Amino acid sequence: MALLKAPSKHPKTTTLQVRLEDEVRHNLDRYAEFIDANASYVVSEALKLLFRKDEDFKRWLGQHTNSHDQKQIQGDALTKTA
C-alpha cells in the first residue's frame, strides 16, 4: 500500500529547483508512476509527511515561527508602502 495518495486537487504552488542523486531521482520517478502522480507532488507530500512526523522540528518551529512571521510581515509592509 502506498504511503502517499495521488492528488485530488491542484493547490497553489511555487517553483523550487533541486539537485538529487541519480538513484533518488530514479526512485522518485518510479514512485510517482506507482501512485499515478508527478514528481513534484511526491516531493511535496513527502516533505509534508516529514514535517508532520519530526517532533524535534515541530518544537523548533514552535519556538521560531513567531519571530520569522513578524519579520515577514514587516518586510511585506515595507515593500507594499512604496
PDB file of N, CA and C in Angstrom:
ATOM      1  N   MET A   1       0.833  -1.172   0.000  1.00  0.00           N
ATOM      2  CA  MET A   1       0.000   0.000   0.000  1.00  0.00           C
ATOM      3  C   MET A   1       0.885   1.246   0.000  1.00  0.00           C
ATOM      4  N   ALA A   2       0.569   2.211  -0.835  1.00  0.00           N
ATOM      5  CA  ALA A   2       1.350   3.434  -0.951  1.00  0.00           C
ATOM      6  C   ALA A   2       1.170   4.315   0.280  1.00  0.00           C
ATOM      7  N   LEU A   3       2.249   4.956   0.720  1.00  0.00           N
ATOM      8  CA  LEU A   3       2.171   5.899   1.832  1.00  0.00           C
ATOM      9  C   LEU A   3       1.560   7.216   1.379  1.00  0.00           C
ATOM     10  N   LEU A   4       1.772   7.581   0.124  1.00  0.00           N
ATOM     11  CA  LEU A   4       1.209   8.803  -0.425  1.00  0.00           C
ATOM     12  C   LEU A   4       0.079   8.443  -1.363  1.00  0.00           C
ATOM     13  N   LYS A   5      -0.906   9.292  -1.420  1.00  0.00           N
ATOM     14  CA  LYS A   5      -2.033   9.082  -2.320  1.00  0.00           C
ATOM     15  C   LYS A   5      -1.948  10.085  -3.466  1.00  0.00           C
ATOM     16  N   ALA A   6      -2.484   9.736  -4.613  1.00  0.00           N
ATOM     17  CA  ALA A   6      -2.471  10.627  -5.764  1.00  0.00           C
ATOM     18  C   ALA A   6      -3.254  11.896  -5.443  1.00  0.00           C
ATOM     19  N   PRO A   7      -2.883  12.997  -6.071  1.00  0.00           N
ATOM     20  CA  PRO A   7      -3.534  14.273  -5.762  1.00  0.00           C
ATOM     21  C   PRO A   7      -4.989  14.294  -6.196  1.00  0.00           C
ATOM     22  N   SER A   8      -5.813  14.978  -5.387  1.00  0.00           N
ATOM     23  CA  SER A   8      -7.220  15.105  -5.728  1.00  0.00           C
ATOM     24  C   SER A   8      -7.536  16.497  -6.264  1.00  0.00           C
ATOM     25  N   LYS A   9      -6.671  17.474  -5.978  1.00  0.00           N
ATOM     26  CA  LYS A   9      -6.870  18.828  -6.468  1.00  0.00           C
ATOM     27  C   LYS A   9      -5.507  19.469  -6.690  1.00  0.00           C
ATOM     28  N   HIS A  10      -5.510  20.634  -7.292  1.00  0.00           N
ATOM     29  CA  HIS A  10      -4.255  21.322  -7.583  1.00  0.00           C
ATOM     30  C   HIS A  10      -4.125  22.563  -6.712  1.00  0.00           C
ATOM     31  N   PRO A  11      -3.376  22.471  -5.606  1.00  0.00           N
ATOM     32  CA  PRO A  11      -3.205  23.632  -4.728  1.00  0.00           C
ATOM     33  C   PRO A  11      -2.260  24.660  -5.358  1.00  0.00           C
ATOM     34  N   LYS A  12      -2.218  25.848  -4.797  1.00  0.00           N
ATOM     35  CA  LYS A  12      -1.290  26.881  -5.238  1.00  0.00           C
ATOM     36  C   LYS A  12       0.132  26.358  -5.052  1.00  0.00           C
ATOM     37  N   THR A  13       0.974  26.582  -6.034  1.00  0.00           N
ATOM     38  CA  THR A  13       2.335  26.049  -5.977  1.00  0.00           C
ATOM     39  C   THR A  13       3.369  27.132  -6.230  1.00  0.00           C
ATOM     40  N   THR A  14       4.610  26.789  -5.956  1.00  0.00           N
ATOM     41  CA  THR A  14       5.759  27.628  -6.243  1.00  0.00           C
ATOM     42  C   THR A  14       6.843  26.734  -6.831  1.00  0.00           C
ATOM     43  N   THR A  15       7.811  27.324  -7.473  1.00  0.00           N
ATOM     44  CA  THR A  15       8.869  26.564  -8.133  1.00  0.00           C
ATOM     45  C   THR A  15      10.104  26.474  -7.240  1.00  0.00           C
ATOM     46  N   LEU A  16      10.716  25.302  -7.222  1.00  0.00           N
ATOM     47  CA  LEU A  16      11.948  25.065  -6.479  1.00  0.00           C
ATOM     48  C   LEU A  16      12.839  24.175  -7.331  1.00  0.00           C
ATOM     49  N   GLN A  17      14.063  24.597  -7.536  1.00  0.00           N
ATOM     50  CA  GLN A  17      15.000  23.779  -8.288  1.00  0.00           C
ATOM     51  C   GLN A  17      15.913  23.062  -7.295  1.00  0.00           C
ATOM     52  N   VAL A  18      16.020  21.735  -7.414  1.00  0.00           N
ATOM     53  CA  VAL A  18      16.862  20.945  -6.513  1.00  0.00           C
ATOM     54  C   VAL A  18      17.746  20.010  -7.315  1.00  0.00           C
ATOM     55  N   ARG A  19      18.802  19.578  -6.692  1.00  0.00           N
ATOM     56  CA  ARG A  19      19.688  18.569  -7.280  1.00  0.00           C
ATOM     57  C   ARG A  19      19.538  17.299  -6.462  1.00  0.00           C
ATOM     58  N   LEU A  20      19.367  16.192  -7.146  1.00  0.00           N
ATOM     59  CA  LEU A  20      19.188  14.903  -6.489  1.00  0.00           C
ATOM     60  C   LEU A  20      20.231  13.915  -6.982  1.00  0.00           C
ATOM     61  N   GLU A  21      20.565  12.962  -6.133  1.00  0.00           N
ATOM     62  CA  GLU A  21      21.399  11.854  -6.585  1.00  0.00           C
ATOM     63  C   GLU A  21      20.614  11.103  -7.653  1.00  0.00           C
ATOM     64  N   ASP A  22      21.327  10.511  -8.600  1.00  0.00           N
ATOM     65  CA  ASP A  22      20.669   9.794  -9.694  1.00  0.00           C
ATOM     66  C   ASP A  22      19.697   8.732  -9.196  1.00  0.00           C
ATOM     67  N   GLU A  23      20.122   7.958  -8.207  1.00  0.00           N
ATOM     68  CA  GLU A  23      19.264   6.885  -7.697  1.00  0.00           C
ATOM     69  C   GLU A  23      17.998   7.452  -7.043  1.00  0.00           C
ATOM     70  N   VAL A  24      18.147   8.559  -6.317  1.00  0.00           N
ATOM     71  CA  VAL A  24      16.991   9.186  -5.679  1.00  0.00           C
ATOM     72  C   VAL A  24      16.022   9.676  -6.755  1.00  0.00           C
ATOM     73  N   ARG A  25      16.542  10.306  -7.802  1.00  0.00           N
ATOM     74  CA  ARG A  25      15.681  10.790  -8.884  1.00  0.00           C
ATOM     75  C   ARG A  25      14.966   9.628  -9.570  1.00  0.00           C
ATOM     76  N   HIS A  26      15.680   8.550  -9.802  1.00  0.00           N
ATOM     77  CA  HIS A  26      15.067   7.379 -10.429  1.00  0.00           C
ATOM     78  C   HIS A  26      13.925   6.839  -9.567  1.00  0.00           C
ATOM     79  N   ASN A  27      14.182   6.704  -8.274  1.00  0.00           N
ATOM     80  CA  ASN A  27      13.141   6.188  -7.377  1.00  0.00           C
ATOM     81  C   ASN A  27      11.986   7.180  -7.217  1.00  0.00           C
ATOM     82  N   LEU A  28      12.280   8.455  -7.252  1.00  0.00           N
ATOM     83  CA  LEU A  28      11.232   9.467  -7.217  1.00  0.00           C
ATOM     84  C   LEU A  28      10.303   9.309  -8.421  1.00  0.00           C
ATOM     85  N   ASP A  29      10.883   9.176  -9.576  1.00  0.00           N
ATOM     86  CA  ASP A  29      10.077   8.996 -10.791  1.00  0.00           C
ATOM     87  C   ASP A  29       9.275   7.699 -10.742  1.00  0.00           C
ATOM     88  N   ARG A  30       9.879   6.664 -10.244  1.00  0.00           N
ATOM     89  CA  ARG A  30       9.178   5.371 -10.144  1.00  0.00           C
ATOM     90  C   ARG A  30       8.034   5.443  -9.140  1.00  0.00           C
ATOM     91  N   TYR A  31       8.263   6.119  -8.006  1.00  0.00           N
ATOM     92  CA  TYR A  31       7.207   6.245  -7.003  1.00  0.00           C
ATOM     93  C   TYR A  31       6.051   7.069  -7.564  1.00  0.00           C
ATOM     94  N   ALA A  32       6.373   8.134  -8.276  1.00  0.00           N
ATOM     95  CA  ALA A  32       5.336   8.951  -8.905  1.00  0.00           C
ATOM     96  C   ALA A  32       4.511   8.104  -9.870  1.00  0.00           C
ATOM     97  N   GLU A  33       5.176   7.274 -10.630  1.00  0.00           N
ATOM     98  CA  GLU A  33       4.471   6.374 -11.549  1.00  0.00           C
ATOM     99  C   GLU A  33       3.599   5.392 -10.761  1.00  0.00           C
ATOM    100  N   PHE A  34       4.122   4.885  -9.667  1.00  0.00           N
ATOM    101  CA  PHE A  34       3.425   3.923  -8.823  1.00  0.00           C
ATOM    102  C   PHE A  34       2.098   4.473  -8.301  1.00  0.00           C
ATOM    103  N   ILE A  35       2.085   5.764  -7.909  1.00  0.00           N
ATOM    104  CA  ILE A  35       0.846   6.338  -7.379  1.00  0.00           C
ATOM    105  C   ILE A  35       0.104   7.179  -8.415  1.00  0.00           C
ATOM    106  N   ASP A  36       0.549   7.138  -9.654  1.00  0.00           N
ATOM    107  CA  ASP A  36      -0.084   7.866 -10.755  1.00  0.00           C
ATOM    108  C   ASP A  36      -0.128   9.363 -10.467  1.00  0.00           C
ATOM    109  N   ALA A  37       1.045   9.922 -10.159  1.00  0.00           N
ATOM    110  CA  ALA A  37       1.181  11.347  -9.864  1.00  0.00           C
ATOM    111  C   ALA A  37       2.459  11.836 -10.531  1.00  0.00           C
ATOM    112  N   ASN A  38       2.799  13.098 -10.308  1.00  0.00           N
ATOM    113  CA  ASN A  38       4.066  13.600 -10.845  1.00  0.00           C
ATOM    114  C   ASN A  38       5.095  13.736  -9.716  1.00  0.00           C
ATOM    115  N   ALA A  39       6.346  13.928 -10.110  1.00  0.00           N
ATOM    116  CA  ALA A  39       7.431  14.003  -9.132  1.00  0.00           C
ATOM    117  C   ALA A  39       7.249  15.168  -8.171  1.00  0.00           C
ATOM    118  N   SER A  40       6.749  16.288  -8.645  1.00  0.00           N
ATOM    119  CA  SER A  40       6.534  17.446  -7.775  1.00  0.00           C
ATOM    120  C   SER A  40       5.568  17.116  -6.652  1.00  0.00           C
ATOM    121  N   TYR A  41       4.517  16.404  -6.984  1.00  0.00           N
ATOM    122  CA  TYR A  41       3.540  16.014  -5.970  1.00  0.00           C
ATOM    123  C   TYR A  41       4.185  15.100  -4.932  1.00  0.00           C
ATOM    124  N   VAL A  42       4.977  14.141  -5.371  1.00  0.00           N
ATOM    125  CA  VAL A  42       5.628  13.203  -4.446  1.00  0.00           C
ATOM    126  C   VAL A  42       6.554  13.964  -3.497  1.00  0.00           C
ATOM    127  N   VAL A  43       7.344  14.873  -4.025  1.00  0.00           N
ATOM    128  CA  VAL A  43       8.260  15.651  -3.185  1.00  0.00           C
ATOM    129  C   VAL A  43       7.477  16.478  -2.172  1.00  0.00           C
ATOM    130  N   SER A  44       6.445  17.155  -2.626  1.00  0.00           N
ATOM    131  CA  SER A  44       5.640  17.988  -1.742  1.00  0.00           C
ATOM    132  C   SER A  44       5.001  17.168  -0.629  1.00  0.00           C
ATOM    133  N   GLU A  45       4.393  16.051  -0.979  1.00  0.00           N
ATOM    134  CA  GLU A  45       3.732  15.212   0.024  1.00  0.00           C
ATOM    135  C   GLU A  45       4.733  14.549   0.960  1.00  0.00           C
ATOM    136  N   ALA A  46       5.890  14.167   0.444  1.00  0.00           N
ATOM    137  CA  ALA A  46       6.924  13.567   1.288  1.00  0.00           C
ATOM    138  C   ALA A  46       7.430  14.586   2.309  1.00  0.00           C
ATOM    139  N   LEU A  47       7.597  15.835   1.880  1.00  0.00           N
ATOM    140  CA  LEU A  47       8.017  16.879   2.819  1.00  0.00           C
ATOM    141  C   LEU A  47       6.945  17.153   3.862  1.00  0.00           C
ATOM    142  N   LYS A  48       5.690  17.190   3.453  1.00  0.00           N
ATOM    143  CA  LYS A  48       4.603  17.377   4.423  1.00  0.00           C
ATOM    144  C   LYS A  48       4.612  16.257   5.461  1.00  0.00           C
ATOM    145  N   LEU A  49       4.826  15.030   5.008  1.00  0.00           N
ATOM    146  CA  LEU A  49       4.904  13.879   5.908  1.00  0.00           C
ATOM    147  C   LEU A  49       6.069  14.049   6.879  1.00  0.00           C
ATOM    148  N   LEU A  50       7.211  14.445   6.365  1.00  0.00           N
ATOM    149  CA  LEU A  50       8.385  14.683   7.197  1.00  0.00           C
ATOM    150  C   LEU A  50       8.094  15.748   8.248  1.00  0.00           C
ATOM    151  N   PHE A  51       7.485  16.858   7.839  1.00  0.00           N
ATOM    152  CA  PHE A  51       7.193  17.946   8.771  1.00  0.00           C
ATOM    153  C   PHE A  51       6.212  17.509   9.856  1.00  0.00           C
ATOM    154  N   ARG A  52       5.245  16.664   9.500  1.00  0.00           N
ATOM    155  CA  ARG A  52       4.269  16.176  10.489  1.00  0.00           C
ATOM    156  C   ARG A  52       4.888  15.195  11.474  1.00  0.00           C
ATOM    157  N   LYS A  53       5.823  14.394  11.025  1.00  0.00           N
ATOM    158  CA  LYS A  53       6.370  13.316  11.851  1.00  0.00           C
ATOM    159  C   LYS A  53       7.560  13.729  12.708  1.00  0.00           C
ATOM    160  N   ASP A  54       8.276  14.771  12.325  1.00  0.00           N
ATOM    161  CA  ASP A  54       9.506  15.153  13.028  1.00  0.00           C
ATOM    162  C   ASP A  54       9.166  16.020  14.250  1.00  0.00           C
ATOM    163  N   GLU A  55       9.150  15.393  15.413  1.00  0.00           N
ATOM    164  CA  GLU A  55       8.786  16.093  16.651  1.00  0.00           C
ATOM    165  C   GLU A  55       9.777  17.195  16.999  1.00  0.00           C
ATOM    166  N   ASP A  56      11.077  16.963  16.763  1.00  0.00           N
ATOM    167  CA  ASP A  56      12.079  17.993  17.047  1.00  0.00           C
ATOM    168  C   ASP A  56      11.848  19.215  16.166  1.00  0.00           C
ATOM    169  N   PHE A  57      11.540  18.990  14.899  1.00  0.00           N
ATOM    170  CA  PHE A  57      11.267  20.110  14.001  1.00  0.00           C
ATOM    171  C   PHE A  57      10.034  20.884  14.451  1.00  0.00           C
ATOM    172  N   LYS A  58       8.979  20.172  14.863  1.00  0.00           N
ATOM    173  CA  LYS A  58       7.763  20.857  15.313  1.00  0.00           C
ATOM    174  C   LYS A  58       8.047  21.723  16.543  1.00  0.00           C
ATOM    175  N   ARG A  59       8.855  21.214  17.474  1.00  0.00           N
ATOM    176  CA  ARG A  59       9.229  22.008  18.654  1.00  0.00           C
ATOM    177  C   ARG A  59      10.026  23.239  18.229  1.00  0.00           C
ATOM    178  N   TRP A  60      11.008  23.020  17.359  1.00  0.00           N
ATOM    179  CA  TRP A  60      11.836  24.119  16.881  1.00  0.00           C
ATOM    180  C   TRP A  60      10.976  25.156  16.158  1.00  0.00           C
ATOM    181  N   LEU A  61      10.074  24.692  15.314  1.00  0.00           N
ATOM    182  CA  LEU A  61       9.205  25.582  14.559  1.00  0.00           C
ATOM    183  C   LEU A  61       8.328  26.412  15.498  1.00  0.00           C
ATOM    184  N   GLY A  62       7.825  25.779  16.536  1.00  0.00           N
ATOM    185  CA  GLY A  62       7.016  26.499  17.509  1.00  0.00           C
ATOM    186  C   GLY A  62       7.785  27.618  18.191  1.00  0.00           C
ATOM    187  N   GLN A  63       9.078  27.422  18.370  1.00  0.00           N
ATOM    188  CA  GLN A  63       9.915  28.430  19.017  1.00  0.00           C
ATOM    189  C   GLN A  63      10.337  29.533  18.051  1.00  0.00           C
ATOM    190  N   HIS A  64      10.328  29.258  16.746  1.00  0.00           N
ATOM    191  CA  HIS A  64      10.853  30.209  15.774  1.00  0.00           C
ATOM    192  C   HIS A  64       9.801  30.792  14.836  1.00  0.00           C
ATOM    193  N   THR A  65       8.607  30.288  14.844  1.00  0.00           N
ATOM    194  CA  THR A  65       7.587  30.757  13.907  1.00  0.00           C
ATOM    195  C   THR A  65       7.243  32.217  14.120  1.00  0.00           C
ATOM    196  N   ASN A  66       7.006  32.630  15.354  1.00  0.00           N
ATOM    197  CA  ASN A  66       6.578  33.999  15.616  1.00  0.00           C
ATOM    198  C   ASN A  66       7.597  35.028  15.166  1.00  0.00           C
ATOM    199  N   SER A  67       8.883  34.815  15.442  1.00  0.00           N
ATOM    200  CA  SER A  67       9.890  35.798  15.046  1.00  0.00           C
ATOM    201  C   SER A  67      10.009  35.854  13.525  1.00  0.00           C
ATOM    202  N   HIS A  68       9.933  34.729  12.843  1.00  0.00           N
ATOM    203  CA  HIS A  68      10.018  34.711  11.385  1.00  0.00           C
ATOM    204  C   HIS A  68       8.793  35.364  10.768  1.00  0.00           C
ATOM    205  N   ASP A  69       7.601  35.051  11.298  1.00  0.00           N
ATOM    206  CA  ASP A  69       6.373  35.641  10.783  1.00  0.00           C
ATOM    207  C   ASP A  69       6.397  37.149  10.951  1.00  0.00           C
ATOM    208  N   GLN A  70       6.889  37.636  12.088  1.00  0.00           N
ATOM    209  CA  GLN A  70       6.949  39.068  12.334  1.00  0.00           C
ATOM    210  C   GLN A  70       7.894  39.736  11.344  1.00  0.00           C
ATOM    211  N   LYS A  71       9.047  39.129  11.067  1.00  0.00           N
ATOM    212  CA  LYS A  71       9.983  39.691  10.094  1.00  0.00           C
ATOM    213  C   LYS A  71       9.337  39.710   8.711  1.00  0.00           C
ATOM    214  N   GLN A  72       8.617  38.650   8.357  1.00  0.00           N
ATOM    215  CA  GLN A  72       7.947  38.571   7.060  1.00  0.00           C
ATOM    216  C   GLN A  72       6.896  39.664   6.938  1.00  0.00           C
ATOM    217  N   ILE A  73       6.109  39.873   7.993  1.00  0.00           N
ATOM    218  CA  ILE A  73       5.076  40.900   7.981  1.00  0.00           C
ATOM    219  C   ILE A  73       5.717  42.278   7.824  1.00  0.00           C
ATOM    220  N   GLN A  74       6.781  42.530   8.577  1.00  0.00           N
ATOM    221  CA  GLN A  74       7.458  43.819   8.486  1.00  0.00           C
ATOM    222  C   GLN A  74       8.049  44.013   7.098  1.00  0.00           C
ATOM    223  N   GLY A  75       8.642  42.990   6.539  1.00  0.00           N
ATOM    224  CA  GLY A  75       9.199  43.063   5.191  1.00  0.00           C
ATOM    225  C   GLY A  75       8.133  43.328   4.158  1.00  0.00           C
ATOM    226  N   ASP A  76       6.995  42.653   4.267  1.00  0.00           N
ATOM    227  CA  ASP A  76       5.890  42.868   3.343  1.00  0.00           C
ATOM    228  C   ASP A  76       5.367  44.294   3.450  1.00  0.00           C
ATOM    229  N   ALA A  77       5.259  44.801   4.667  1.00  0.00           N
ATOM    230  CA  ALA A  77       4.743  46.155   4.864  1.00  0.00           C
ATOM    231  C   ALA A  77       5.668  47.178   4.215  1.00  0.00           C
ATOM    232  N   LEU A  78       6.964  46.955   4.315  1.00  0.00           N
ATOM    233  CA  LEU A  78       7.911  47.890   3.724  1.00  0.00           C
ATOM    234  C   LEU A  78       7.810  47.884   2.207  1.00  0.00           C
ATOM    235  N   THR A  79       7.627  46.730   1.608  1.00  0.00           N
ATOM    236  CA  THR A  79       7.582  46.667   0.151  1.00  0.00           C
ATOM    237  C   THR A  79       6.252  47.166  -0.395  1.00  0.00           C
ATOM    238  N   LYS A  80       5.190  47.092   0.386  1.00  0.00           N
ATOM    239  CA  LYS A  80       3.876  47.491  -0.093  1.00  0.00           C
ATOM    240  C   LYS A  80       3.617  48.992   0.048  1.00  0.00           C
ATOM    241  N   THR A  81       4.403  49.704   0.838  1.00  0.00           N
ATOM    242  CA  THR A  81       4.129  51.120   1.087  1.00  0.00           C
ATOM    243  C   THR A  81       4.881  52.042   0.153  1.00  0.00           C
ATOM    244  N   ALA A  82       5.533  51.540  -0.843  1.00  0.00           N
ATOM    245  CA  ALA A  82       6.336  52.364  -1.742  1.00  0.00           C
ATOM    246  C   ALA A  82       5.527  53.231  -2.656  1.00  0.00           C
TER     247      ALA A  82
END
